[in-house]
Amino acid sequence: MPTVSASRLVRAMPAVIGRALTPAALVEYEDTFTVNEVSETDDGWVVAAGRRGLDLAFAFEAHENGFVYEQRGDGPLETLETTVTYAAENEGTRVKLCSTVSTGLPLSVLIDRVAAWKRRGELRRALDRLAADVE
């Protein structure tokens, strides 16, 4: 399973980043799915999202200075797990997103690379949109 990551120094303090990085905002920042509903669970949150006939859920768990979330149920990927971390750096905050993806399809070596390439674009887009919101 390929792992991809993206990182960005955002000109905002960690407390500002922490308020901006909600489970719903993270899904919206990626700009692939629209958030339909967020529900709180004993372990964190479940974000129900969708796009053109595709509905899926992302389960979020809060961690110190970030989140871990994964796709649950039927979705475009067999495995999608993302870790989001942020920490003070210089006069801002370093935000890092790291995802592991797998399609579970035949020829997975090739197809998973394509999925990872697309995922890296989503991570970069999320960082750009976060920065635009808080800077």
C-alpha atoms as a PDB file:
ATOM      1  CA  MET A   1       0.000   0.000   0.000  1.00  0.00           C
ATOM      2  CA  PRO A   2       1.505   3.309  -1.024  1.00  0.00           C
ATOM      3  CA  THR A   3       1.867   6.118   1.482  1.00  0.00           C
ATOM      4  CA  VAL A   4       1.909   9.748   0.368  1.00  0.00           C
ATOM      5  CA  SER A   5       2.324  12.940   2.317  1.00  0.00           C
ATOM      6  CA  ALA A   6       2.188  16.685   1.997  1.00  0.00           C
ATOM      7  CA  SER A   7       3.438  19.348   4.362  1.00  0.00           C
ATOM      8  CA  ARG A   8       3.136  23.116   4.551  1.00  0.00           C
ATOM      9  CA  LEU A   9       4.250  25.898   6.842  1.00  0.00           C
ATOM     10  CA  VAL A  10       1.125  27.939   7.559  1.00  0.00           C
ATOM     11  CA  ARG A  11       1.452  31.496   8.865  1.00  0.00           C
ATOM     12  CA  ALA A  12      -0.861  30.993  11.846  1.00  0.00           C
ATOM     13  CA  MET A  13      -0.339  29.845  15.398  1.00  0.00           C
ATOM     14  CA  PRO A  14      -1.126  26.231  16.390  1.00  0.00           C
ATOM     15  CA  ALA A  15      -4.234  27.269  18.349  1.00  0.00           C
ATOM     16  CA  VAL A  16      -5.686  28.838  15.194  1.00  0.00           C
ATOM     17  CA  ILE A  17      -4.873  25.711  13.181  1.00  0.00           C
ATOM     18  CA  GLY A  18      -6.470  23.529  15.861  1.00  0.00           C
ATOM     19  CA  ARG A  19      -9.725  25.496  15.663  1.00  0.00           C
ATOM     20  CA  ALA A  20      -9.756  25.376  11.846  1.00  0.00           C
ATOM     21  CA  LEU A  21      -8.995  21.654  11.526  1.00  0.00           C
ATOM     22  CA  THR A  22     -12.346  20.136  12.383  1.00  0.00           C
ATOM     23  CA  PRO A  23     -13.319  16.766  10.895  1.00  0.00           C
ATOM     24  CA  ALA A  24     -15.844  18.418   8.558  1.00  0.00           C
ATOM     25  CA  ALA A  25     -13.366  21.091   7.494  1.00  0.00           C
ATOM     26  CA  LEU A  26     -10.703  18.488   6.654  1.00  0.00           C
ATOM     27  CA  VAL A  27     -13.061  16.644   4.312  1.00  0.00           C
ATOM     28  CA  GLU A  28     -14.181  19.927   2.726  1.00  0.00           C
ATOM     29  CA  TYR A  29     -10.593  21.196   2.365  1.00  0.00           C
ATOM     30  CA  GLU A  30      -9.732  18.130   0.272  1.00  0.00           C
ATOM     31  CA  ASP A  31     -12.472  19.271  -2.149  1.00  0.00           C
ATOM     32  CA  THR A  32     -13.410  15.773  -3.326  1.00  0.00           C
ATOM     33  CA  PHE A  33     -16.530  15.143  -1.233  1.00  0.00           C
ATOM     34  CA  THR A  34     -19.245  17.323   0.246  1.00  0.00           C
ATOM     35  CA  VAL A  35     -19.976  16.886   3.933  1.00  0.00           C
ATOM     36  CA  ASN A  36     -23.562  15.784   4.569  1.00  0.00           C
ATOM     37  CA  GLU A  37     -23.501  15.176   8.320  1.00  0.00           C
ATOM     38  CA  VAL A  38     -21.146  14.952  11.287  1.00  0.00           C
ATOM     39  CA  SER A  39     -21.974  12.786  14.271  1.00  0.00           C
ATOM     40  CA  GLU A  40     -20.050  12.434  17.487  1.00  0.00           C
ATOM     41  CA  THR A  41     -19.180   8.947  18.748  1.00  0.00           C
ATOM     42  CA  ASP A  42     -17.452   7.562  21.828  1.00  0.00           C
ATOM     43  CA  ASP A  43     -14.210   7.368  19.820  1.00  0.00           C
ATOM     44  CA  GLY A  44     -14.431  10.672  17.924  1.00  0.00           C
ATOM     45  CA  TRP A  45     -16.567  11.689  14.959  1.00  0.00           C
ATOM     46  CA  VAL A  46     -18.040  10.185  11.829  1.00  0.00           C
ATOM     47  CA  VAL A  47     -18.306  12.460   8.812  1.00  0.00           C
ATOM     48  CA  ALA A  48     -20.871  11.334   6.237  1.00  0.00           C
ATOM     49  CA  ALA A  49     -19.917  12.729   2.846  1.00  0.00           C
ATOM     50  CA  GLY A  50     -20.700  12.179  -0.786  1.00  0.00           C
ATOM     51  CA  ARG A  51     -20.345  13.136  -4.405  1.00  0.00           C
ATOM     52  CA  ARG A  52     -22.488  12.324  -7.458  1.00  0.00           C
ATOM     53  CA  GLY A  53     -24.128   9.121  -6.288  1.00  0.00           C
ATOM     54  CA  LEU A  54     -21.302   8.042  -3.984  1.00  0.00           C
ATOM     55  CA  ASP A  55     -21.873   8.200  -0.241  1.00  0.00           C
ATOM     56  CA  LEU A  56     -19.266   7.209   2.311  1.00  0.00           C
ATOM     57  CA  ALA A  57     -18.138   7.867   5.849  1.00  0.00           C
ATOM     58  CA  PHE A  58     -14.880   8.908   7.448  1.00  0.00           C
ATOM     59  CA  ALA A  59     -14.180   7.953  11.071  1.00  0.00           C
ATOM     60  CA  PHE A  60     -12.037  10.515  12.933  1.00  0.00           C
ATOM     61  CA  GLU A  61     -10.104  10.129  16.166  1.00  0.00           C
ATOM     62  CA  ALA A  62      -8.470  13.118  17.827  1.00  0.00           C
ATOM     63  CA  HIS A  63      -4.819  12.844  18.758  1.00  0.00           C
ATOM     64  CA  GLU A  64      -2.498  15.354  20.333  1.00  0.00           C
ATOM     65  CA  ASN A  65      -2.129  18.118  17.757  1.00  0.00           C
ATOM     66  CA  GLY A  66      -4.071  16.341  15.040  1.00  0.00           C
ATOM     67  CA  PHE A  67      -6.317  13.547  13.878  1.00  0.00           C
ATOM     68  CA  VAL A  68      -6.278  10.102  12.363  1.00  0.00           C
ATOM     69  CA  TYR A  69      -9.132   9.298  10.032  1.00  0.00           C
ATOM     70  CA  GLU A  70     -10.110   6.487   7.741  1.00  0.00           C
ATOM     71  CA  GLN A  71     -12.720   5.682   5.161  1.00  0.00           C
ATOM     72  CA  ARG A  72     -15.389   3.350   6.509  1.00  0.00           C
ATOM     73  CA  GLY A  73     -17.722   1.073   4.575  1.00  0.00           C
ATOM     74  CA  ASP A  74     -18.006   1.025   0.814  1.00  0.00           C
ATOM     75  CA  GLY A  75     -16.034   3.704  -0.930  1.00  0.00           C
ATOM     76  CA  PRO A  76     -13.727   4.269  -3.836  1.00  0.00           C
ATOM     77  CA  LEU A  77     -10.775   2.708  -1.990  1.00  0.00           C
ATOM     78  CA  GLU A  78     -10.348  -0.462   0.006  1.00  0.00           C
ATOM     79  CA  THR A  79      -8.042   1.392   2.416  1.00  0.00           C
ATOM     80  CA  LEU A  80      -7.718   5.105   3.059  1.00  0.00           C
ATOM     81  CA  GLU A  81      -6.140   6.183   6.323  1.00  0.00           C
ATOM     82  CA  THR A  82      -4.823   9.674   6.939  1.00  0.00           C
ATOM     83  CA  THR A  83      -2.832  11.155   9.796  1.00  0.00           C
ATOM     84  CA  VAL A  84      -2.945  14.921  10.315  1.00  0.00           C
ATOM     85  CA  THR A  85      -0.409  16.589  12.598  1.00  0.00           C
ATOM     86  CA  TYR A  86       0.553  20.168  13.317  1.00  0.00           C
ATOM     87  CA  ALA A  87       3.251  21.792  15.443  1.00  0.00           C
ATOM     88  CA  ALA A  88       4.694  25.252  15.967  1.00  0.00           C
ATOM     89  CA  GLU A  89       7.579  26.100  13.645  1.00  0.00           C
ATOM     90  CA  ASN A  90       9.304  29.462  13.287  1.00  0.00           C
ATOM     91  CA  GLU A  91       6.516  32.053  13.197  1.00  0.00           C
ATOM     92  CA  GLY A  92       3.769  29.679  12.149  1.00  0.00           C
ATOM     93  CA  THR A  93       2.691  26.059  12.206  1.00  0.00           C
ATOM     94  CA  ARG A  94       3.910  23.069  10.206  1.00  0.00           C
ATOM     95  CA  VAL A  95       0.906  21.035   9.094  1.00  0.00           C
ATOM     96  CA  LYS A  96       1.527  17.544   7.730  1.00  0.00           C
ATOM     97  CA  LEU A  97      -0.937  15.119   6.168  1.00  0.00           C
ATOM     98  CA  CYS A  98       0.092  11.531   5.471  1.00  0.00           C
ATOM     99  CA  SER A  99      -2.179   8.950   3.771  1.00  0.00           C
ATOM    100  CA  THR A 100      -2.019   5.253   3.048  1.00  0.00           C
ATOM    101  CA  VAL A 101      -4.200   4.087   0.156  1.00  0.00           C
ATOM    102  CA  SER A 102      -5.130   0.808  -1.479  1.00  0.00           C
ATOM    103  CA  THR A 103      -7.691   0.061  -4.162  1.00  0.00           C
ATOM    104  CA  GLY A 104      -7.800  -3.676  -3.520  1.00  0.00           C
ATOM    105  CA  LEU A 105      -7.989  -4.229  -7.281  1.00  0.00           C
ATOM    106  CA  PRO A 106      -5.993  -6.559  -9.535  1.00  0.00           C
ATOM    107  CA  LEU A 107      -2.770  -4.974 -10.782  1.00  0.00           C
ATOM    108  CA  SER A 108      -2.704  -3.070  -7.518  1.00  0.00           C
ATOM    109  CA  VAL A 109       0.938  -2.047  -7.915  1.00  0.00           C
ATOM    110  CA  LEU A 110       0.003   0.172 -10.849  1.00  0.00           C
ATOM    111  CA  ILE A 111      -3.526   1.166  -9.845  1.00  0.00           C
ATOM    112  CA  ASP A 112      -2.533   1.964  -6.252  1.00  0.00           C
ATOM    113  CA  ARG A 113       0.166   4.315  -7.584  1.00  0.00           C
ATOM    114  CA  VAL A 114      -2.480   6.235  -9.502  1.00  0.00           C
ATOM    115  CA  ALA A 115      -4.695   6.374  -6.405  1.00  0.00           C
ATOM    116  CA  ALA A 116      -1.735   7.611  -4.336  1.00  0.00           C
ATOM    117  CA  TRP A 117      -0.947  10.292  -6.937  1.00  0.00           C
ATOM    118  CA  LYS A 118      -4.565  11.500  -6.781  1.00  0.00           C
ATOM    119  CA  ARG A 119      -4.524  11.393  -2.979  1.00  0.00           C
ATOM    120  CA  ARG A 120      -1.357  13.510  -2.843  1.00  0.00           C
ATOM    121  CA  GLY A 121      -3.209  16.143  -4.881  1.00  0.00           C
ATOM    122  CA  GLU A 122      -6.090  16.085  -2.370  1.00  0.00           C
ATOM    123  CA  LEU A 123      -3.661  16.518   0.530  1.00  0.00           C
ATOM    124  CA  ARG A 124      -1.935  19.467  -1.147  1.00  0.00           C
ATOM    125  CA  ARG A 125      -5.284  21.044  -1.957  1.00  0.00           C
ATOM    126  CA  ALA A 126      -6.366  20.637   1.681  1.00  0.00           C
ATOM    127  CA  LEU A 127      -3.226  22.418   2.885  1.00  0.00           C
ATOM    128  CA  ASP A 128      -3.729  25.249   0.390  1.00  0.00           C
ATOM    129  CA  ARG A 129      -7.343  25.727   1.443  1.00  0.00           C
ATOM    130  CA  LEU A 130      -6.446  25.603   5.140  1.00  0.00           C
ATOM    131  CA  ALA A 131      -3.780  28.264   4.604  1.00  0.00           C
ATOM    132  CA  ALA A 132      -6.232  30.435   2.663  1.00  0.00           C
ATOM    133  CA  ASP A 133      -8.695  30.204   5.584  1.00  0.00           C
ATOM    134  CA  VAL A 134      -6.298  31.131   8.386  1.00  0.00           C
ATOM    135  CA  GLU A 135      -3.547  33.311   6.932  1.00  0.00           C
END
